[in-house]
Amino acid sequence: MRLANVTWVKSSRSNGQAECVEVAFLDEHQVATRDSKQAESGPVLFFGTRQWYAFIRGASFC
């Protein structure tokens, strides 16, 4: 599986309650995201790096 050896990271602003979004930067110019509460069994969303960075820029204004 393509996610078997990726490194998942959480935000440095995570509260430590395991209620976080985890992100993995993939080799194929994609970013994978998942809910840390369902890390092993939950869905994974994939974004292109352009879309991911556009989201981050937009979220930083909130």
PDB file of N, CA and C in Angstrom:
ATOM      1  N   MET A   1       0.840  -1.183   0.000  1.00  0.00           N
ATOM      2  CA  MET A   1       0.000   0.000   0.000  1.00  0.00           C
ATOM      3  C   MET A   1       0.884   1.244   0.000  1.00  0.00           C
ATOM      4  N   ARG A   2       0.465   2.261  -0.658  1.00  0.00           N
ATOM      5  CA  ARG A   2       1.290   3.453  -0.816  1.00  0.00           C
ATOM      6  C   ARG A   2       1.472   4.251   0.463  1.00  0.00           C
ATOM      7  N   LEU A   3       0.689   4.020   1.507  1.00  0.00           N
ATOM      8  CA  LEU A   3       0.820   4.756   2.759  1.00  0.00           C
ATOM      9  C   LEU A   3       1.557   3.969   3.836  1.00  0.00           C
ATOM     10  N   ALA A   4       2.053   2.812   3.500  1.00  0.00           N
ATOM     11  CA  ALA A   4       2.678   1.950   4.500  1.00  0.00           C
ATOM     12  C   ALA A   4       3.924   2.559   5.133  1.00  0.00           C
ATOM     13  N   ASN A   5       4.690   3.315   4.400  1.00  0.00           N
ATOM     14  CA  ASN A   5       5.955   3.817   4.928  1.00  0.00           C
ATOM     15  C   ASN A   5       6.032   5.332   5.021  1.00  0.00           C
ATOM     16  N   VAL A   6       4.903   6.010   5.055  1.00  0.00           N
ATOM     17  CA  VAL A   6       4.934   7.466   5.137  1.00  0.00           C
ATOM     18  C   VAL A   6       5.026   7.902   6.590  1.00  0.00           C
ATOM     19  N   THR A   7       5.494   9.123   6.784  1.00  0.00           N
ATOM     20  CA  THR A   7       5.581   9.703   8.116  1.00  0.00           C
ATOM     21  C   THR A   7       4.430  10.685   8.289  1.00  0.00           C
ATOM     22  N   TRP A   8       3.588  10.422   9.262  1.00  0.00           N
ATOM     23  CA  TRP A   8       2.457  11.293   9.562  1.00  0.00           C
ATOM     24  C   TRP A   8       2.887  12.298  10.618  1.00  0.00           C
ATOM     25  N   VAL A   9       2.482  13.541  10.462  1.00  0.00           N
ATOM     26  CA  VAL A   9       2.819  14.588  11.432  1.00  0.00           C
ATOM     27  C   VAL A   9       1.545  15.315  11.861  1.00  0.00           C
ATOM     28  N   LYS A  10       1.586  15.832  13.081  1.00  0.00           N
ATOM     29  CA  LYS A  10       0.501  16.644  13.615  1.00  0.00           C
ATOM     30  C   LYS A  10       0.990  18.077  13.751  1.00  0.00           C
ATOM     31  N   SER A  11       0.073  18.984  13.843  1.00  0.00           N
ATOM     32  CA  SER A  11       0.404  20.381  14.042  1.00  0.00           C
ATOM     33  C   SER A  11       1.117  20.576  15.377  1.00  0.00           C
ATOM     34  N   SER A  12       2.038  21.515  15.397  1.00  0.00           N
ATOM     35  CA  SER A  12       2.700  21.857  16.656  1.00  0.00           C
ATOM     36  C   SER A  12       1.718  22.510  17.624  1.00  0.00           C
ATOM     37  N   ARG A  13       0.571  22.916  17.129  1.00  0.00           N
ATOM     38  CA  ARG A  13      -0.473  23.518  17.967  1.00  0.00           C
ATOM     39  C   ARG A  13      -1.475  22.484  18.475  1.00  0.00           C
ATOM     40  N   SER A  14      -1.186  21.235  18.242  1.00  0.00           N
ATOM     41  CA  SER A  14      -2.056  20.161  18.700  1.00  0.00           C
ATOM     42  C   SER A  14      -2.162  20.204  20.218  1.00  0.00           C
ATOM     43  N   ASN A  15      -3.351  19.912  20.729  1.00  0.00           N
ATOM     44  CA  ASN A  15      -3.552  19.979  22.172  1.00  0.00           C
ATOM     45  C   ASN A  15      -3.206  18.683  22.898  1.00  0.00           C
ATOM     46  N   GLY A  16      -2.733  17.673  22.191  1.00  0.00           N
ATOM     47  CA  GLY A  16      -2.360  16.421  22.830  1.00  0.00           C
ATOM     48  C   GLY A  16      -3.541  15.536  23.201  1.00  0.00           C
ATOM     49  N   GLN A  17      -4.733  15.892  22.801  1.00  0.00           N
ATOM     50  CA  GLN A  17      -5.934  15.136  23.120  1.00  0.00           C
ATOM     51  C   GLN A  17      -6.270  14.098  22.053  1.00  0.00           C
ATOM     52  N   ALA A  18      -5.410  13.922  21.076  1.00  0.00           N
ATOM     53  CA  ALA A  18      -5.624  12.980  19.962  1.00  0.00           C
ATOM     54  C   ALA A  18      -6.784  13.400  19.084  1.00  0.00           C
ATOM     55  N   GLU A  19      -7.113  14.664  19.085  1.00  0.00           N
ATOM     56  CA  GLU A  19      -8.172  15.185  18.227  1.00  0.00           C
ATOM     57  C   GLU A  19      -7.535  16.105  17.188  1.00  0.00           C
ATOM     58  N   CYS A  20      -6.804  15.503  16.285  1.00  0.00           N
ATOM     59  CA  CYS A  20      -6.005  16.283  15.348  1.00  0.00           C
ATOM     60  C   CYS A  20      -6.135  15.737  13.933  1.00  0.00           C
ATOM     61  N   VAL A  21      -5.747  16.551  13.022  1.00  0.00           N
ATOM     62  CA  VAL A  21      -5.569  16.117  11.645  1.00  0.00           C
ATOM     63  C   VAL A  21      -4.086  15.816  11.472  1.00  0.00           C
ATOM     64  N   GLU A  22      -3.789  14.681  10.896  1.00  0.00           N
ATOM     65  CA  GLU A  22      -2.411  14.323  10.598  1.00  0.00           C
ATOM     66  C   GLU A  22      -2.175  14.494   9.103  1.00  0.00           C
ATOM     67  N   VAL A  23      -0.963  14.855   8.757  1.00  0.00           N
ATOM     68  CA  VAL A  23      -0.606  15.134   7.373  1.00  0.00           C
ATOM     69  C   VAL A  23       0.631  14.326   7.011  1.00  0.00           C
ATOM     70  N   ALA A  24       0.644  13.803   5.800  1.00  0.00           N
ATOM     71  CA  ALA A  24       1.826  13.111   5.267  1.00  0.00           C
ATOM     72  C   ALA A  24       2.116  13.671   3.886  1.00  0.00           C
ATOM     73  N   PHE A  25       3.346  14.062   3.670  1.00  0.00           N
ATOM     74  CA  PHE A  25       3.773  14.570   2.369  1.00  0.00           C
ATOM     75  C   PHE A  25       4.326  13.410   1.563  1.00  0.00           C
ATOM     76  N   LEU A  26       3.660  13.114   0.449  1.00  0.00           N
ATOM     77  CA  LEU A  26       3.977  11.932  -0.349  1.00  0.00           C
ATOM     78  C   LEU A  26       4.946  12.262  -1.472  1.00  0.00           C
ATOM     79  N   ASP A  27       5.598  11.251  -1.984  1.00  0.00           N
ATOM     80  CA  ASP A  27       6.568  11.426  -3.068  1.00  0.00           C
ATOM     81  C   ASP A  27       5.936  11.890  -4.364  1.00  0.00           C
ATOM     82  N   GLU A  28       4.681  11.592  -4.588  1.00  0.00           N
ATOM     83  CA  GLU A  28       4.028  11.895  -5.859  1.00  0.00           C
ATOM     84  C   GLU A  28       3.459  13.308  -5.920  1.00  0.00           C
ATOM     85  N   HIS A  29       4.025  14.213  -5.189  1.00  0.00           N
ATOM     86  CA  HIS A  29       3.532  15.596  -5.162  1.00  0.00           C
ATOM     87  C   HIS A  29       2.112  15.663  -4.654  1.00  0.00           C
ATOM     88  N   GLN A  30       1.833  14.829  -3.673  1.00  0.00           N
ATOM     89  CA  GLN A  30       0.526  14.809  -3.042  1.00  0.00           C
ATOM     90  C   GLN A  30       0.680  14.896  -1.539  1.00  0.00           C
ATOM     91  N   VAL A  31      -0.390  15.346  -0.908  1.00  0.00           N
ATOM     92  CA  VAL A  31      -0.458  15.411   0.541  1.00  0.00           C
ATOM     93  C   VAL A  31      -1.636  14.555   0.972  1.00  0.00           C
ATOM     94  N   ALA A  32      -1.402  13.704   1.950  1.00  0.00           N
ATOM     95  CA  ALA A  32      -2.466  12.874   2.500  1.00  0.00           C
ATOM     96  C   ALA A  32      -2.843  13.423   3.872  1.00  0.00           C
ATOM     97  N   THR A  33      -4.129  13.397   4.202  1.00  0.00           N
ATOM     98  CA  THR A  33      -4.589  13.844   5.514  1.00  0.00           C
ATOM     99  C   THR A  33      -5.509  12.778   6.095  1.00  0.00           C
ATOM    100  N   ARG A  34      -5.513  12.704   7.431  1.00  0.00           N
ATOM    101  CA  ARG A  34      -6.394  11.767   8.113  1.00  0.00           C
ATOM    102  C   ARG A  34      -6.695  12.287   9.510  1.00  0.00           C
ATOM    103  N   ASP A  35      -7.723  11.750  10.111  1.00  0.00           N
ATOM    104  CA  ASP A  35      -8.115  12.070  11.473  1.00  0.00           C
ATOM    105  C   ASP A  35      -7.308  11.191  12.416  1.00  0.00           C
ATOM    106  N   SER A  36      -6.621  11.782  13.370  1.00  0.00           N
ATOM    107  CA  SER A  36      -5.769  10.988  14.254  1.00  0.00           C
ATOM    108  C   SER A  36      -6.565  10.032  15.140  1.00  0.00           C
ATOM    109  N   LYS A  37      -7.838  10.314  15.380  1.00  0.00           N
ATOM    110  CA  LYS A  37      -8.662   9.407  16.191  1.00  0.00           C
ATOM    111  C   LYS A  37      -8.958   8.108  15.442  1.00  0.00           C
ATOM    112  N   GLN A  38      -8.894   8.152  14.125  1.00  0.00           N
ATOM    113  CA  GLN A  38      -9.177   6.971  13.302  1.00  0.00           C
ATOM    114  C   GLN A  38      -7.988   6.683  12.386  1.00  0.00           C
ATOM    115  N   ALA A  39      -6.815   6.827  12.912  1.00  0.00           N
ATOM    116  CA  ALA A  39      -5.606   6.770  12.094  1.00  0.00           C
ATOM    117  C   ALA A  39      -5.471   5.477  11.288  1.00  0.00           C
ATOM    118  N   GLU A  40      -5.772   4.369  11.878  1.00  0.00           N
ATOM    119  CA  GLU A  40      -5.550   3.093  11.188  1.00  0.00           C
ATOM    120  C   GLU A  40      -6.748   2.643  10.359  1.00  0.00           C
ATOM    121  N   SER A  41      -7.946   3.067  10.725  1.00  0.00           N
ATOM    122  CA  SER A  41      -9.124   2.538  10.049  1.00  0.00           C
ATOM    123  C   SER A  41      -9.957   3.579   9.316  1.00  0.00           C
ATOM    124  N   GLY A  42      -9.668   4.839   9.534  1.00  0.00           N
ATOM    125  CA  GLY A  42     -10.475   5.894   8.930  1.00  0.00           C
ATOM    126  C   GLY A  42     -10.063   6.231   7.516  1.00  0.00           C
ATOM    127  N   PRO A  43     -10.825   7.106   6.887  1.00  0.00           N
ATOM    128  CA  PRO A  43     -10.521   7.507   5.517  1.00  0.00           C
ATOM    129  C   PRO A  43      -9.297   8.417   5.448  1.00  0.00           C
ATOM    130  N   VAL A  44      -8.691   8.446   4.293  1.00  0.00           N
ATOM    131  CA  VAL A  44      -7.563   9.332   4.007  1.00  0.00           C
ATOM    132  C   VAL A  44      -7.966  10.193   2.819  1.00  0.00           C
ATOM    133  N   LEU A  45      -7.750  11.485   2.953  1.00  0.00           N
ATOM    134  CA  LEU A  45      -8.024  12.412   1.851  1.00  0.00           C
ATOM    135  C   LEU A  45      -6.706  12.801   1.207  1.00  0.00           C
ATOM    136  N   PHE A  46      -6.692  12.884  -0.116  1.00  0.00           N
ATOM    137  CA  PHE A  46      -5.490  13.238  -0.857  1.00  0.00           C
ATOM    138  C   PHE A  46      -5.687  14.571  -1.559  1.00  0.00           C
ATOM    139  N   PHE A  47      -4.649  15.393  -1.515  1.00  0.00           N
ATOM    140  CA  PHE A  47      -4.661  16.690  -2.176  1.00  0.00           C
ATOM    141  C   PHE A  47      -3.378  16.838  -2.966  1.00  0.00           C
ATOM    142  N   GLY A  48      -3.440  17.552  -4.067  1.00  0.00           N
ATOM    143  CA  GLY A  48      -2.219  17.954  -4.745  1.00  0.00           C
ATOM    144  C   GLY A  48      -1.522  19.001  -3.885  1.00  0.00           C
ATOM    145  N   THR A  49      -0.222  19.143  -4.043  1.00  0.00           N
ATOM    146  CA  THR A  49       0.487  20.110  -3.200  1.00  0.00           C
ATOM    147  C   THR A  49       0.008  21.535  -3.439  1.00  0.00           C
ATOM    148  N   ARG A  50      -0.336  21.879  -4.658  1.00  0.00           N
ATOM    149  CA  ARG A  50      -0.866  23.229  -4.926  1.00  0.00           C
ATOM    150  C   ARG A  50      -2.154  23.470  -4.154  1.00  0.00           C
ATOM    151  N   GLN A  51      -3.059  22.498  -4.166  1.00  0.00           N
ATOM    152  CA  GLN A  51      -4.321  22.635  -3.466  1.00  0.00           C
ATOM    153  C   GLN A  51      -4.100  22.702  -1.951  1.00  0.00           C
ATOM    154  N   TRP A  52      -3.161  21.903  -1.463  1.00  0.00           N
ATOM    155  CA  TRP A  52      -2.878  21.898  -0.027  1.00  0.00           C
ATOM    156  C   TRP A  52      -2.354  23.261   0.431  1.00  0.00           C
ATOM    157  N   TYR A  53      -1.386  23.801  -0.286  1.00  0.00           N
ATOM    158  CA  TYR A  53      -0.817  25.082   0.124  1.00  0.00           C
ATOM    159  C   TYR A  53      -1.810  26.228  -0.064  1.00  0.00           C
ATOM    160  N   ALA A  54      -2.704  26.138  -1.034  1.00  0.00           N
ATOM    161  CA  ALA A  54      -3.767  27.125  -1.166  1.00  0.00           C
ATOM    162  C   ALA A  54      -4.705  27.061   0.052  1.00  0.00           C
ATOM    163  N   PHE A  55      -5.008  25.849   0.511  1.00  0.00           N
ATOM    164  CA  PHE A  55      -5.831  25.690   1.698  1.00  0.00           C
ATOM    165  C   PHE A  55      -5.142  26.286   2.922  1.00  0.00           C
ATOM    166  N   ILE A  56      -3.864  25.991   3.100  1.00  0.00           N
ATOM    167  CA  ILE A  56      -3.111  26.503   4.245  1.00  0.00           C
ATOM    168  C   ILE A  56      -3.078  28.034   4.219  1.00  0.00           C
ATOM    169  N   ARG A  57      -2.831  28.615   3.056  1.00  0.00           N
ATOM    170  CA  ARG A  57      -2.826  30.081   2.963  1.00  0.00           C
ATOM    171  C   ARG A  57      -4.186  30.646   3.330  1.00  0.00           C
ATOM    172  N   GLY A  58      -5.256  30.016   2.843  1.00  0.00           N
ATOM    173  CA  GLY A  58      -6.601  30.495   3.150  1.00  0.00           C
ATOM    174  C   GLY A  58      -6.942  30.311   4.625  1.00  0.00           C
ATOM    175  N   ALA A  59      -6.529  29.207   5.215  1.00  0.00           N
ATOM    176  CA  ALA A  59      -6.837  28.930   6.624  1.00  0.00           C
ATOM    177  C   ALA A  59      -6.081  29.870   7.559  1.00  0.00           C
ATOM    178  N   SER A  60      -4.941  30.360   7.131  1.00  0.00           N
ATOM    179  CA  SER A  60      -4.138  31.232   8.010  1.00  0.00           C
ATOM    180  C   SER A  60      -4.791  32.593   8.208  1.00  0.00           C
ATOM    181  N   PHE A  61      -5.782  32.920   7.401  1.00  0.00           N
ATOM    182  CA  PHE A  61      -6.488  34.188   7.559  1.00  0.00           C
ATOM    183  C   PHE A  61      -7.690  34.079   8.476  1.00  0.00           C
ATOM    184  N   CYS A  62      -8.005  32.869   8.916  1.00  0.00           N
ATOM    185  CA  CYS A  62      -9.190  32.661   9.780  1.00  0.00           C
ATOM    186  C   CYS A  62      -8.912  33.072  11.207  1.00  0.00           C
TER     187      CYS A  62
END
